[in-house]
């Protein structure tokens, strides 16, 4: 599933998996992926968010607030949600013949649009553009 991923994107996926474990979740969801993308500090992502008037620290804190905690037990495995699978497919399309990079994942997360992470991202852009007017 991740054969086309560059090293930075593979790090993002590892961080997303660790985030879900840290919150006692048995799945990697779009919100875990968003936190991991923000923690990667990819220059292209930082540039794109800045260009949209989004404060990365505020966005990161907002997504973290919404993660919540799952059941306090050991899970036998971590699942990748269908939404994240769709995001991965979209990112591969955006990458074309190149390796999937974090910016492709962010673009795909935005394009998929149905996750809480995408909603928080939209609200961040709206909130910051309203503050600038």
C-alpha atoms as a PDB file:
ATOM      1  CA  UNK A   1       0.000   0.000   0.000  1.00  0.00           C
ATOM      2  CA  UNK A   2       2.851   2.445   0.692  1.00  0.00           C
ATOM      3  CA  UNK A   3       5.363   1.395  -1.979  1.00  0.00           C
ATOM      4  CA  UNK A   4       5.232   4.797  -3.693  1.00  0.00           C
ATOM      5  CA  UNK A   5       5.815   6.817  -0.546  1.00  0.00           C
ATOM      6  CA  UNK A   6       8.917   8.950  -0.096  1.00  0.00           C
ATOM      7  CA  UNK A   7      10.858   8.865   3.168  1.00  0.00           C
ATOM      8  CA  UNK A   8       9.132  11.961   4.577  1.00  0.00           C
ATOM      9  CA  UNK A   9       5.680  10.505   3.865  1.00  0.00           C
ATOM     10  CA  UNK A  10       6.645   7.220   5.487  1.00  0.00           C
ATOM     11  CA  UNK A  11       7.704   9.198   8.586  1.00  0.00           C
ATOM     12  CA  UNK A  12       4.321  10.932   8.543  1.00  0.00           C
ATOM     13  CA  UNK A  13       2.570   7.550   8.505  1.00  0.00           C
ATOM     14  CA  UNK A  14       4.704   6.270  11.403  1.00  0.00           C
ATOM     15  CA  UNK A  15       3.920   9.397  13.427  1.00  0.00           C
ATOM     16  CA  UNK A  16       0.204   9.052  12.591  1.00  0.00           C
ATOM     17  CA  UNK A  17       0.264   5.454  13.811  1.00  0.00           C
ATOM     18  CA  UNK A  18       2.030   6.501  17.007  1.00  0.00           C
ATOM     19  CA  UNK A  19      -0.544   9.257  17.521  1.00  0.00           C
ATOM     20  CA  UNK A  20      -3.357   6.749  17.346  1.00  0.00           C
ATOM     21  CA  UNK A  21      -1.548   4.527  19.875  1.00  0.00           C
ATOM     22  CA  UNK A  22      -0.943   7.531  22.156  1.00  0.00           C
ATOM     23  CA  UNK A  23      -4.693   8.207  22.175  1.00  0.00           C
ATOM     24  CA  UNK A  24      -5.660   4.539  22.611  1.00  0.00           C
ATOM     25  CA  UNK A  25      -7.263   4.420  19.178  1.00  0.00           C
ATOM     26  CA  UNK A  26      -7.264   1.234  17.122  1.00  0.00           C
ATOM     27  CA  UNK A  27      -7.340   3.086  13.789  1.00  0.00           C
ATOM     28  CA  UNK A  28      -5.331   5.676  11.873  1.00  0.00           C
ATOM     29  CA  UNK A  29      -7.792   8.386  10.914  1.00  0.00           C
ATOM     30  CA  UNK A  30      -7.487  11.639   9.020  1.00  0.00           C
ATOM     31  CA  UNK A  31      -6.992  13.567  12.276  1.00  0.00           C
ATOM     32  CA  UNK A  32      -3.957  11.414  13.198  1.00  0.00           C
ATOM     33  CA  UNK A  33      -2.651  11.999   9.683  1.00  0.00           C
ATOM     34  CA  UNK A  34      -3.140  15.772   9.994  1.00  0.00           C
ATOM     35  CA  UNK A  35      -1.263  15.914  13.307  1.00  0.00           C
ATOM     36  CA  UNK A  36       1.568  13.907  11.766  1.00  0.00           C
ATOM     37  CA  UNK A  37       1.689  16.160   8.687  1.00  0.00           C
ATOM     38  CA  UNK A  38       1.963  19.229  10.892  1.00  0.00           C
ATOM     39  CA  UNK A  39       4.663  17.654  13.036  1.00  0.00           C
ATOM     40  CA  UNK A  40       6.740  16.748   9.961  1.00  0.00           C
ATOM     41  CA  UNK A  41       7.267  20.502   9.376  1.00  0.00           C
ATOM     42  CA  UNK A  42       7.497  19.982   5.614  1.00  0.00           C
ATOM     43  CA  UNK A  43       8.494  23.296   3.981  1.00  0.00           C
ATOM     44  CA  UNK A  44       5.899  22.967   1.190  1.00  0.00           C
ATOM     45  CA  UNK A  45       3.083  22.316   3.677  1.00  0.00           C
ATOM     46  CA  UNK A  46       4.186  25.215   5.862  1.00  0.00           C
ATOM     47  CA  UNK A  47       4.289  27.472   2.793  1.00  0.00           C
ATOM     48  CA  UNK A  48       0.857  26.356   1.551  1.00  0.00           C
ATOM     49  CA  UNK A  49      -0.796  26.833   4.941  1.00  0.00           C
ATOM     50  CA  UNK A  50       0.875  30.203   5.417  1.00  0.00           C
ATOM     51  CA  UNK A  51      -0.303  31.275   1.958  1.00  0.00           C
ATOM     52  CA  UNK A  52      -3.848  30.381   3.057  1.00  0.00           C
ATOM     53  CA  UNK A  53      -3.429  32.479   6.205  1.00  0.00           C
ATOM     54  CA  UNK A  54      -3.497  29.445   8.489  1.00  0.00           C
ATOM     55  CA  UNK A  55      -1.469  29.510  11.700  1.00  0.00           C
ATOM     56  CA  UNK A  56       0.155  26.075  11.930  1.00  0.00           C
ATOM     57  CA  UNK A  57       0.418  26.136  15.731  1.00  0.00           C
ATOM     58  CA  UNK A  58      -3.272  26.984  16.126  1.00  0.00           C
ATOM     59  CA  UNK A  59      -4.262  24.338  13.584  1.00  0.00           C
ATOM     60  CA  UNK A  60      -2.094  21.726  15.320  1.00  0.00           C
ATOM     61  CA  UNK A  61      -3.606  22.544  18.724  1.00  0.00           C
ATOM     62  CA  UNK A  62      -7.137  22.498  17.319  1.00  0.00           C
ATOM     63  CA  UNK A  63      -6.740  19.076  15.694  1.00  0.00           C
ATOM     64  CA  UNK A  64      -5.136  17.686  18.877  1.00  0.00           C
ATOM     65  CA  UNK A  65      -8.069  18.966  20.971  1.00  0.00           C
ATOM     66  CA  UNK A  66     -10.453  16.967  18.786  1.00  0.00           C
ATOM     67  CA  UNK A  67      -8.540  13.669  18.912  1.00  0.00           C
ATOM     68  CA  UNK A  68      -9.893  12.528  22.267  1.00  0.00           C
ATOM     69  CA  UNK A  69      -8.988   9.233  23.900  1.00  0.00           C
ATOM     70  CA  UNK A  70     -10.119   5.729  23.094  1.00  0.00           C
ATOM     71  CA  UNK A  71     -10.475   2.727  25.340  1.00  0.00           C
ATOM     72  CA  UNK A  72      -7.603   2.003  27.695  1.00  0.00           C
ATOM     73  CA  UNK A  73      -6.567  -1.390  26.368  1.00  0.00           C
ATOM     74  CA  UNK A  74      -4.029  -2.967  24.093  1.00  0.00           C
ATOM     75  CA  UNK A  75      -5.075  -3.358  20.491  1.00  0.00           C
ATOM     76  CA  UNK A  76      -3.873  -6.298  18.466  1.00  0.00           C
ATOM     77  CA  UNK A  77      -3.406  -4.185  15.386  1.00  0.00           C
ATOM     78  CA  UNK A  78      -3.949  -0.759  13.931  1.00  0.00           C
ATOM     79  CA  UNK A  79      -6.482  -0.292  11.121  1.00  0.00           C
ATOM     80  CA  UNK A  80      -6.318   2.325   8.391  1.00  0.00           C
ATOM     81  CA  UNK A  81      -9.754   3.871   7.953  1.00  0.00           C
ATOM     82  CA  UNK A  82     -11.443   3.827   4.538  1.00  0.00           C
ATOM     83  CA  UNK A  83     -11.197   7.636   4.492  1.00  0.00           C
ATOM     84  CA  UNK A  84      -7.402   7.510   4.961  1.00  0.00           C
ATOM     85  CA  UNK A  85      -7.201   4.840   2.262  1.00  0.00           C
ATOM     86  CA  UNK A  86      -9.040   7.249  -0.046  1.00  0.00           C
ATOM     87  CA  UNK A  87      -6.668  10.076   0.941  1.00  0.00           C
ATOM     88  CA  UNK A  88      -3.714   7.824   0.125  1.00  0.00           C
ATOM     89  CA  UNK A  89      -5.177   6.977  -3.304  1.00  0.00           C
ATOM     90  CA  UNK A  90      -5.769  10.655  -4.037  1.00  0.00           C
ATOM     91  CA  UNK A  91      -2.216  11.503  -2.929  1.00  0.00           C
ATOM     92  CA  UNK A  92      -0.813   8.855  -5.277  1.00  0.00           C
ATOM     93  CA  UNK A  93      -2.788  10.452  -8.101  1.00  0.00           C
ATOM     94  CA  UNK A  94      -1.429  13.898  -7.242  1.00  0.00           C
ATOM     95  CA  UNK A  95       2.112  12.525  -7.162  1.00  0.00           C
ATOM     96  CA  UNK A  96       1.831  11.087 -10.673  1.00  0.00           C
ATOM     97  CA  UNK A  97       4.946   9.030 -11.379  1.00  0.00           C
ATOM     98  CA  UNK A  98       6.886  10.643  -8.514  1.00  0.00           C
ATOM     99  CA  UNK A  99       7.051   9.490  -4.912  1.00  0.00           C
ATOM    100  CA  UNK A 100       4.189  10.560  -2.648  1.00  0.00           C
ATOM    101  CA  UNK A 101       5.363  13.445  -0.483  1.00  0.00           C
ATOM    102  CA  UNK A 102       3.698  15.090   2.541  1.00  0.00           C
ATOM    103  CA  UNK A 103       2.330  17.955   0.411  1.00  0.00           C
ATOM    104  CA  UNK A 104       0.469  15.381  -1.727  1.00  0.00           C
ATOM    105  CA  UNK A 105      -1.079  13.943   1.435  1.00  0.00           C
ATOM    106  CA  UNK A 106      -2.221  17.367   2.628  1.00  0.00           C
ATOM    107  CA  UNK A 107      -3.680  18.194  -0.793  1.00  0.00           C
ATOM    108  CA  UNK A 108      -5.500  14.844  -0.794  1.00  0.00           C
ATOM    109  CA  UNK A 109      -6.809  15.363   2.743  1.00  0.00           C
ATOM    110  CA  UNK A 110      -8.208  18.724   1.674  1.00  0.00           C
ATOM    111  CA  UNK A 111      -9.684  17.304  -1.550  1.00  0.00           C
ATOM    112  CA  UNK A 112     -11.357  14.376   0.203  1.00  0.00           C
ATOM    113  CA  UNK A 113     -12.954  16.985   2.429  1.00  0.00           C
ATOM    114  CA  UNK A 114     -15.195  14.787   4.575  1.00  0.00           C
ATOM    115  CA  UNK A 115     -13.024  14.338   7.648  1.00  0.00           C
ATOM    116  CA  UNK A 116     -13.014  16.305  10.856  1.00  0.00           C
ATOM    117  CA  UNK A 117      -9.396  17.227  10.050  1.00  0.00           C
ATOM    118  CA  UNK A 118     -10.489  18.760   6.720  1.00  0.00           C
ATOM    119  CA  UNK A 119     -13.299  20.635   8.479  1.00  0.00           C
ATOM    120  CA  UNK A 120     -10.873  22.032  11.075  1.00  0.00           C
ATOM    121  CA  UNK A 121      -8.543  23.050   8.240  1.00  0.00           C
ATOM    122  CA  UNK A 122     -11.397  24.841   6.433  1.00  0.00           C
ATOM    123  CA  UNK A 123     -12.482  26.613   9.625  1.00  0.00           C
ATOM    124  CA  UNK A 124      -8.884  27.691  10.283  1.00  0.00           C
ATOM    125  CA  UNK A 125      -8.664  29.297   6.868  1.00  0.00           C
ATOM    126  CA  UNK A 126     -12.031  31.004   7.262  1.00  0.00           C
ATOM    127  CA  UNK A 127     -11.233  32.183  10.801  1.00  0.00           C
ATOM    128  CA  UNK A 128      -7.877  33.593   9.767  1.00  0.00           C
ATOM    129  CA  UNK A 129      -9.167  35.260   6.608  1.00  0.00           C
ATOM    130  CA  UNK A 130     -11.983  36.870   8.630  1.00  0.00           C
ATOM    131  CA  UNK A 131      -9.449  38.135  11.165  1.00  0.00           C
ATOM    132  CA  UNK A 132      -7.448  39.705   8.330  1.00  0.00           C
ATOM    133  CA  UNK A 133     -10.403  41.652   6.930  1.00  0.00           C
END
